[in-house]
Amino acid sequence: MGGLYLGVLERSGSDKTGFKIVKNTIGTIAIVLGVIIFMNLKKEGIIWEAYAPGKIELVAENNQAVIIDFYADWCIPSLEL
């Protein structure tokens, strides 16, 4: 929104050519960065799978990393996470 305001709507300094170029450039860059960030929000994150012993052996054979997320109901630090 700030890029749109700065690049298109704000008219202050329009009589000064250098300032207008800098202002429009910064506004355009802000709009482009906003679009890029918005497009990256749509990407999928980690797809978690339920634990199964066969999956661990399969991953170990392929020399891939594994993250196991576990907790205990009685453990206060685990519940805080």
PDB file of N, CA and C in Angstrom:
ATOM      1  N   MET A   1       0.821  -1.187   0.000  1.00  0.00           N
ATOM      2  CA  MET A   1       0.000   0.000   0.000  1.00  0.00           C
ATOM      3  C   MET A   1       0.868   1.255   0.000  1.00  0.00           C
ATOM      4  N   GLY A   2       1.964   1.206   0.748  1.00  0.00           N
ATOM      5  CA  GLY A   2       2.846   2.365   0.803  1.00  0.00           C
ATOM      6  C   GLY A   2       3.483   2.654  -0.542  1.00  0.00           C
ATOM      7  N   GLY A   3       3.838   1.587  -1.278  1.00  0.00           N
ATOM      8  CA  GLY A   3       4.427   1.773  -2.603  1.00  0.00           C
ATOM      9  C   GLY A   3       3.439   2.381  -3.574  1.00  0.00           C
ATOM     10  N   LEU A   4       2.189   1.951  -3.493  1.00  0.00           N
ATOM     11  CA  LEU A   4       1.154   2.512  -4.360  1.00  0.00           C
ATOM     12  C   LEU A   4       0.942   3.989  -4.043  1.00  0.00           C
ATOM     13  N   TYR A   5       0.888   4.316  -2.767  1.00  0.00           N
ATOM     14  CA  TYR A   5       0.719   5.702  -2.364  1.00  0.00           C
ATOM     15  C   TYR A   5       1.901   6.564  -2.812  1.00  0.00           C
ATOM     16  N   LEU A   6       3.108   6.059  -2.535  1.00  0.00           N
ATOM     17  CA  LEU A   6       4.301   6.830  -2.840  1.00  0.00           C
ATOM     18  C   LEU A   6       4.536   6.951  -4.336  1.00  0.00           C
ATOM     19  N   GLY A   7       4.306   5.871  -5.078  1.00  0.00           N
ATOM     20  CA  GLY A   7       4.603   5.873  -6.503  1.00  0.00           C
ATOM     21  C   GLY A   7       3.544   6.508  -7.372  1.00  0.00           C
ATOM     22  N   VAL A   8       2.283   6.495  -6.933  1.00  0.00           N
ATOM     23  CA  VAL A   8       1.208   6.937  -7.810  1.00  0.00           C
ATOM     24  C   VAL A   8       0.406   8.095  -7.231  1.00  0.00           C
ATOM     25  N   LEU A   9      -0.020   7.991  -5.999  1.00  0.00           N
ATOM     26  CA  LEU A   9      -0.992   8.942  -5.454  1.00  0.00           C
ATOM     27  C   LEU A   9      -0.381  10.222  -4.893  1.00  0.00           C
ATOM     28  N   GLU A  10       0.755  10.123  -4.245  1.00  0.00           N
ATOM     29  CA  GLU A  10       1.374  11.292  -3.611  1.00  0.00           C
ATOM     30  C   GLU A  10       1.911  12.248  -4.667  1.00  0.00           C
ATOM     31  N   ARG A  11       1.514  13.493  -4.603  1.00  0.00           N
ATOM     32  CA  ARG A  11       1.903  14.480  -5.627  1.00  0.00           C
ATOM     33  C   ARG A  11       2.901  15.524  -5.129  1.00  0.00           C
ATOM     34  N   SER A  12       3.366  15.424  -3.902  1.00  0.00           N
ATOM     35  CA  SER A  12       4.306  16.427  -3.414  1.00  0.00           C
ATOM     36  C   SER A  12       5.641  16.297  -4.140  1.00  0.00           C
ATOM     37  N   GLY A  13       6.247  17.398  -4.434  1.00  0.00           N
ATOM     38  CA  GLY A  13       7.530  17.427  -5.111  1.00  0.00           C
ATOM     39  C   GLY A  13       7.455  17.110  -6.587  1.00  0.00           C
ATOM     40  N   SER A  14       6.264  17.203  -7.171  1.00  0.00           N
ATOM     41  CA  SER A  14       6.132  16.868  -8.594  1.00  0.00           C
ATOM     42  C   SER A  14       6.784  17.907  -9.504  1.00  0.00           C
ATOM     43  N   ASP A  15       7.098  19.085  -8.979  1.00  0.00           N
ATOM     44  CA  ASP A  15       7.758  20.105  -9.785  1.00  0.00           C
ATOM     45  C   ASP A  15       9.275  19.893  -9.843  1.00  0.00           C
ATOM     46  N   LYS A  16       9.802  19.032  -9.007  1.00  0.00           N
ATOM     47  CA  LYS A  16      11.232  18.743  -9.007  1.00  0.00           C
ATOM     48  C   LYS A  16      11.459  17.384  -9.669  1.00  0.00           C
ATOM     49  N   THR A  17      12.121  17.385 -10.815  1.00  0.00           N
ATOM     50  CA  THR A  17      12.277  16.185 -11.630  1.00  0.00           C
ATOM     51  C   THR A  17      13.065  15.087 -10.910  1.00  0.00           C
ATOM     52  N   GLY A  18      14.181  15.422 -10.299  1.00  0.00           N
ATOM     53  CA  GLY A  18      15.016  14.428  -9.628  1.00  0.00           C
ATOM     54  C   GLY A  18      14.283  13.764  -8.478  1.00  0.00           C
ATOM     55  N   PHE A  19      13.601  14.560  -7.679  1.00  0.00           N
ATOM     56  CA  PHE A  19      12.851  14.018  -6.550  1.00  0.00           C
ATOM     57  C   PHE A  19      11.717  13.117  -7.032  1.00  0.00           C
ATOM     58  N   LYS A  20      11.067  13.515  -8.093  1.00  0.00           N
ATOM     59  CA  LYS A  20       9.956  12.731  -8.642  1.00  0.00           C
ATOM     60  C   LYS A  20      10.452  11.370  -9.138  1.00  0.00           C
ATOM     61  N   ILE A  21      11.615  11.338  -9.770  1.00  0.00           N
ATOM     62  CA  ILE A  21      12.179  10.079 -10.267  1.00  0.00           C
ATOM     63  C   ILE A  21      12.518   9.151  -9.100  1.00  0.00           C
ATOM     64  N   VAL A  22      13.168   9.711  -8.070  1.00  0.00           N
ATOM     65  CA  VAL A  22      13.532   8.902  -6.901  1.00  0.00           C
ATOM     66  C   VAL A  22      12.272   8.386  -6.210  1.00  0.00           C
ATOM     67  N   LYS A  23      11.275   9.239  -6.034  1.00  0.00           N
ATOM     68  CA  LYS A  23      10.041   8.861  -5.357  1.00  0.00           C
ATOM     69  C   LYS A  23       9.307   7.770  -6.132  1.00  0.00           C
ATOM     70  N   ASN A  24       9.200   7.921  -7.438  1.00  0.00           N
ATOM     71  CA  ASN A  24       8.523   6.912  -8.261  1.00  0.00           C
ATOM     72  C   ASN A  24       9.299   5.598  -8.286  1.00  0.00           C
ATOM     73  N   THR A  25      10.634   5.674  -8.283  1.00  0.00           N
ATOM     74  CA  THR A  25      11.456   4.460  -8.265  1.00  0.00           C
ATOM     75  C   THR A  25      11.265   3.698  -6.962  1.00  0.00           C
ATOM     76  N   ILE A  26      11.316   4.398  -5.841  1.00  0.00           N
ATOM     77  CA  ILE A  26      11.120   3.746  -4.544  1.00  0.00           C
ATOM     78  C   ILE A  26       9.712   3.170  -4.448  1.00  0.00           C
ATOM     79  N   GLY A  27       8.718   3.896  -4.938  1.00  0.00           N
ATOM     80  CA  GLY A  27       7.346   3.386  -4.929  1.00  0.00           C
ATOM     81  C   GLY A  27       7.199   2.129  -5.766  1.00  0.00           C
ATOM     82  N   THR A  28       7.821   2.106  -6.935  1.00  0.00           N
ATOM     83  CA  THR A  28       7.755   0.933  -7.808  1.00  0.00           C
ATOM     84  C   THR A  28       8.453  -0.263  -7.171  1.00  0.00           C
ATOM     85  N   ILE A  29       9.613  -0.039  -6.571  1.00  0.00           N
ATOM     86  CA  ILE A  29      10.339  -1.118  -5.897  1.00  0.00           C
ATOM     87  C   ILE A  29       9.504  -1.684  -4.745  1.00  0.00           C
ATOM     88  N   ALA A  30       8.837  -0.814  -3.998  1.00  0.00           N
ATOM     89  CA  ALA A  30       7.998  -1.272  -2.887  1.00  0.00           C
ATOM     90  C   ALA A  30       6.839  -2.125  -3.388  1.00  0.00           C
ATOM     91  N   ILE A  31       6.234  -1.732  -4.508  1.00  0.00           N
ATOM     92  CA  ILE A  31       5.136  -2.521  -5.078  1.00  0.00           C
ATOM     93  C   ILE A  31       5.641  -3.883  -5.543  1.00  0.00           C
ATOM     94  N   VAL A  32       6.768  -3.917  -6.234  1.00  0.00           N
ATOM     95  CA  VAL A  32       7.320  -5.182  -6.733  1.00  0.00           C
ATOM     96  C   VAL A  32       7.681  -6.104  -5.570  1.00  0.00           C
ATOM     97  N   LEU A  33       8.333  -5.577  -4.536  1.00  0.00           N
ATOM     98  CA  LEU A  33       8.684  -6.399  -3.374  1.00  0.00           C
ATOM     99  C   LEU A  33       7.436  -6.915  -2.659  1.00  0.00           C
ATOM    100  N   GLY A  34       6.399  -6.095  -2.580  1.00  0.00           N
ATOM    101  CA  GLY A  34       5.149  -6.537  -1.972  1.00  0.00           C
ATOM    102  C   GLY A  34       4.522  -7.687  -2.735  1.00  0.00           C
ATOM    103  N   VAL A  35       4.544  -7.624  -4.066  1.00  0.00           N
ATOM    104  CA  VAL A  35       3.997  -8.704  -4.890  1.00  0.00           C
ATOM    105  C   VAL A  35       4.826  -9.976  -4.718  1.00  0.00           C
ATOM    106  N   ILE A  36       6.149  -9.845  -4.688  1.00  0.00           N
ATOM    107  CA  ILE A  36       7.021 -11.015  -4.522  1.00  0.00           C
ATOM    108  C   ILE A  36       6.771 -11.675  -3.167  1.00  0.00           C
ATOM    109  N   ILE A  37       6.667 -10.896  -2.118  1.00  0.00           N
ATOM    110  CA  ILE A  37       6.404 -11.448  -0.785  1.00  0.00           C
ATOM    111  C   ILE A  37       5.047 -12.130  -0.755  1.00  0.00           C
ATOM    112  N   PHE A  38       4.035 -11.514  -1.352  1.00  0.00           N
ATOM    113  CA  PHE A  38       2.696 -12.107  -1.384  1.00  0.00           C
ATOM    114  C   PHE A  38       2.702 -13.440  -2.128  1.00  0.00           C
ATOM    115  N   MET A  39       3.442 -13.521  -3.226  1.00  0.00           N
ATOM    116  CA  MET A  39       3.495 -14.760  -4.000  1.00  0.00           C
ATOM    117  C   MET A  39       4.205 -15.866  -3.224  1.00  0.00           C
ATOM    118  N   ASN A  40       5.184 -15.526  -2.392  1.00  0.00           N
ATOM    119  CA  ASN A  40       5.900 -16.527  -1.603  1.00  0.00           C
ATOM    120  C   ASN A  40       5.074 -17.036  -0.432  1.00  0.00           C
ATOM    121  N   LEU A  41       4.035 -16.320  -0.031  1.00  0.00           N
ATOM    122  CA  LEU A  41       3.182 -16.781   1.048  1.00  0.00           C
ATOM    123  C   LEU A  41       2.343 -17.976   0.623  1.00  0.00           C
ATOM    124  N   LYS A  42       2.162 -18.173  -0.661  1.00  0.00           N
ATOM    125  CA  LYS A  42       1.338 -19.258  -1.171  1.00  0.00           C
ATOM    126  C   LYS A  42       2.071 -20.593  -1.217  1.00  0.00           C
ATOM    127  N   LYS A  43       3.387 -20.586  -1.059  1.00  0.00           N
ATOM    128  CA  LYS A  43       4.158 -21.817  -1.154  1.00  0.00           C
ATOM    129  C   LYS A  43       3.854 -22.740   0.014  1.00  0.00           C
ATOM    130  N   GLU A  44       3.885 -24.046  -0.275  1.00  0.00           N
ATOM    131  CA  GLU A  44       3.645 -25.031   0.764  1.00  0.00           C
ATOM    132  C   GLU A  44       4.842 -25.111   1.697  1.00  0.00           C
ATOM    133  N   GLY A  45       4.555 -25.400   2.933  1.00  0.00           N
ATOM    134  CA  GLY A  45       5.610 -25.580   3.916  1.00  0.00           C
ATOM    135  C   GLY A  45       5.964 -27.054   4.019  1.00  0.00           C
ATOM    136  N   ILE A  46       6.366 -27.444   5.181  1.00  0.00           N
ATOM    137  CA  ILE A  46       6.718 -28.837   5.430  1.00  0.00           C
ATOM    138  C   ILE A  46       5.446 -29.659   5.512  1.00  0.00           C
ATOM    139  N   ILE A  47       5.444 -30.788   4.859  1.00  0.00           N
ATOM    140  CA  ILE A  47       4.318 -31.702   4.935  1.00  0.00           C
ATOM    141  C   ILE A  47       4.665 -32.764   5.985  1.00  0.00           C
ATOM    142  N   TRP A  48       3.991 -32.701   7.124  1.00  0.00           N
ATOM    143  CA  TRP A  48       4.256 -33.626   8.216  1.00  0.00           C
ATOM    144  C   TRP A  48       3.515 -34.933   7.969  1.00  0.00           C
ATOM    145  N   GLU A  49       4.170 -36.028   8.291  1.00  0.00           N
ATOM    146  CA  GLU A  49       3.572 -37.351   8.138  1.00  0.00           C
ATOM    147  C   GLU A  49       3.519 -38.037   9.493  1.00  0.00           C
ATOM    148  N   ALA A  50       2.530 -38.901   9.672  1.00  0.00           N
ATOM    149  CA  ALA A  50       2.418 -39.652  10.920  1.00  0.00           C
ATOM    150  C   ALA A  50       3.576 -40.647  11.023  1.00  0.00           C
ATOM    151  N   TYR A  51       3.957 -40.948  12.255  1.00  0.00           N
ATOM    152  CA  TYR A  51       5.077 -41.861  12.495  1.00  0.00           C
ATOM    153  C   TYR A  51       4.718 -43.283  12.072  1.00  0.00           C
ATOM    154  N   ALA A  52       5.654 -43.913  11.421  1.00  0.00           N
ATOM    155  CA  ALA A  52       5.554 -45.337  11.094  1.00  0.00           C
ATOM    156  C   ALA A  52       6.980 -45.881  11.038  1.00  0.00           C
ATOM    157  N   PRO A  53       7.251 -46.998  11.687  1.00  0.00           N
ATOM    158  CA  PRO A  53       8.624 -47.532  11.720  1.00  0.00           C
ATOM    159  C   PRO A  53       9.212 -47.781  10.329  1.00  0.00           C
ATOM    160  N   GLY A  54       8.408 -48.190   9.380  1.00  0.00           N
ATOM    161  CA  GLY A  54       8.911 -48.457   8.035  1.00  0.00           C
ATOM    162  C   GLY A  54       9.429 -47.214   7.339  1.00  0.00           C
ATOM    163  N   LYS A  55       8.845 -46.064   7.638  1.00  0.00           N
ATOM    164  CA  LYS A  55       9.285 -44.817   7.017  1.00  0.00           C
ATOM    165  C   LYS A  55      10.680 -44.433   7.489  1.00  0.00           C
ATOM    166  N   ILE A  56      10.972 -44.681   8.746  1.00  0.00           N
ATOM    167  CA  ILE A  56      12.288 -44.329   9.283  1.00  0.00           C
ATOM    168  C   ILE A  56      13.378 -45.150   8.590  1.00  0.00           C
ATOM    169  N   GLU A  57      13.156 -46.447   8.428  1.00  0.00           N
ATOM    170  CA  GLU A  57      14.152 -47.287   7.750  1.00  0.00           C
ATOM    171  C   GLU A  57      14.337 -46.877   6.294  1.00  0.00           C
ATOM    172  N   LEU A  58      13.240 -46.522   5.634  1.00  0.00           N
ATOM    173  CA  LEU A  58      13.314 -46.104   4.237  1.00  0.00           C
ATOM    174  C   LEU A  58      14.153 -44.835   4.088  1.00  0.00           C
ATOM    175  N   VAL A  59      13.943 -43.901   4.961  1.00  0.00           N
ATOM    176  CA  VAL A  59      14.695 -42.649   4.904  1.00  0.00           C
ATOM    177  C   VAL A  59      16.162 -42.893   5.271  1.00  0.00           C
ATOM    178  N   ALA A  60      16.411 -43.769   6.232  1.00  0.00           N
ATOM    179  CA  ALA A  60      17.789 -44.072   6.639  1.00  0.00           C
ATOM    180  C   ALA A  60      18.568 -44.725   5.498  1.00  0.00           C
ATOM    181  N   GLU A  61      17.905 -45.550   4.704  1.00  0.00           N
ATOM    182  CA  GLU A  61      18.579 -46.181   3.569  1.00  0.00           C
ATOM    183  C   GLU A  61      18.994 -45.163   2.517  1.00  0.00           C
ATOM    184  N   ASN A  62      18.227 -44.082   2.384  1.00  0.00           N
ATOM    185  CA  ASN A  62      18.516 -43.051   1.387  1.00  0.00           C
ATOM    186  C   ASN A  62      19.393 -41.928   1.927  1.00  0.00           C
ATOM    187  N   ASN A  63      19.873 -42.069   3.152  1.00  0.00           N
ATOM    188  CA  ASN A  63      20.730 -41.050   3.798  1.00  0.00           C
ATOM    189  C   ASN A  63      20.071 -39.674   3.827  1.00  0.00           C
ATOM    190  N   GLN A  64      18.783 -39.640   4.155  1.00  0.00           N
ATOM    191  CA  GLN A  64      18.056 -38.385   4.266  1.00  0.00           C
ATOM    192  C   GLN A  64      17.850 -38.037   5.733  1.00  0.00           C
ATOM    193  N   ALA A  65      17.655 -36.761   6.002  1.00  0.00           N
ATOM    194  CA  ALA A  65      17.437 -36.306   7.373  1.00  0.00           C
ATOM    195  C   ALA A  65      15.985 -36.534   7.785  1.00  0.00           C
ATOM    196  N   VAL A  66      15.798 -36.737   9.080  1.00  0.00           N
ATOM    197  CA  VAL A  66      14.472 -36.964   9.644  1.00  0.00           C
ATOM    198  C   VAL A  66      14.301 -36.055  10.851  1.00  0.00           C
ATOM    199  N   ILE A  67      13.136 -35.441  10.962  1.00  0.00           N
ATOM    200  CA  ILE A  67      12.785 -34.667  12.144  1.00  0.00           C
ATOM    201  C   ILE A  67      11.591 -35.361  12.778  1.00  0.00           C
ATOM    202  N   ILE A  68      11.749 -35.749  14.035  1.00  0.00           N
ATOM    203  CA  ILE A  68      10.656 -36.392  14.754  1.00  0.00           C
ATOM    204  C   ILE A  68      10.176 -35.413  15.817  1.00  0.00           C
ATOM    205  N   ASP A  69       8.915 -35.026  15.720  1.00  0.00           N
ATOM    206  CA  ASP A  69       8.307 -34.097  16.665  1.00  0.00           C
ATOM    207  C   ASP A  69       7.542 -34.905  17.702  1.00  0.00           C
ATOM    208  N   PHE A  70       7.939 -34.805  18.957  1.00  0.00           N
ATOM    209  CA  PHE A  70       7.257 -35.561  20.004  1.00  0.00           C
ATOM    210  C   PHE A  70       7.123 -34.696  21.240  1.00  0.00           C
ATOM    211  N   TYR A  71       6.210 -35.100  22.105  1.00  0.00           N
ATOM    212  CA  TYR A  71       6.002 -34.393  23.361  1.00  0.00           C
ATOM    213  C   TYR A  71       5.422 -35.353  24.387  1.00  0.00           C
ATOM    214  N   ALA A  72       5.362 -34.901  25.619  1.00  0.00           N
ATOM    215  CA  ALA A  72       4.751 -35.674  26.698  1.00  0.00           C
ATOM    216  C   ALA A  72       3.733 -34.777  27.400  1.00  0.00           C
ATOM    217  N   ASP A  73       2.562 -35.307  27.668  1.00  0.00           N
ATOM    218  CA  ASP A  73       1.500 -34.519  28.306  1.00  0.00           C
ATOM    219  C   ASP A  73       1.893 -34.051  29.707  1.00  0.00           C
ATOM    220  N   TRP A  74       2.754 -34.799  30.396  1.00  0.00           N
ATOM    221  CA  TRP A  74       3.136 -34.471  31.750  1.00  0.00           C
ATOM    222  C   TRP A  74       4.321 -33.507  31.806  1.00  0.00           C
ATOM    223  N   CYS A  75       4.960 -33.242  30.664  1.00  0.00           N
ATOM    224  CA  CYS A  75       6.173 -32.422  30.630  1.00  0.00           C
ATOM    225  C   CYS A  75       5.814 -30.965  30.355  1.00  0.00           C
ATOM    226  N   ILE A  76       6.027 -30.088  31.319  1.00  0.00           N
ATOM    227  CA  ILE A  76       5.638 -28.680  31.184  1.00  0.00           C
ATOM    228  C   ILE A  76       6.405 -27.990  30.046  1.00  0.00           C
ATOM    229  N   PRO A  77       7.745 -28.156  29.906  1.00  0.00           N
ATOM    230  CA  PRO A  77       8.422 -27.527  28.758  1.00  0.00           C
ATOM    231  C   PRO A  77       7.893 -28.018  27.413  1.00  0.00           C
ATOM    232  N   SER A  78       7.502 -29.291  27.316  1.00  0.00           N
ATOM    233  CA  SER A  78       6.952 -29.794  26.060  1.00  0.00           C
ATOM    234  C   SER A  78       5.620 -29.127  25.756  1.00  0.00           C
ATOM    235  N   LEU A  79       4.809 -28.912  26.776  1.00  0.00           N
ATOM    236  CA  LEU A  79       3.516 -28.271  26.564  1.00  0.00           C
ATOM    237  C   LEU A  79       3.665 -26.791  26.202  1.00  0.00           C
ATOM    238  N   GLU A  80       4.744 -26.160  26.657  1.00  0.00           N
ATOM    239  CA  GLU A  80       4.967 -24.747  26.338  1.00  0.00           C
ATOM    240  C   GLU A  80       5.356 -24.550  24.876  1.00  0.00           C
ATOM    241  N   LEU A  81       5.942 -25.557  24.257  1.00  0.00           N
ATOM    242  CA  LEU A  81       6.318 -25.453  22.862  1.00  0.00           C
ATOM    243  C   LEU A  81       5.081 -25.488  22.033  1.00  0.00           C
TER     244      LEU A  81
END
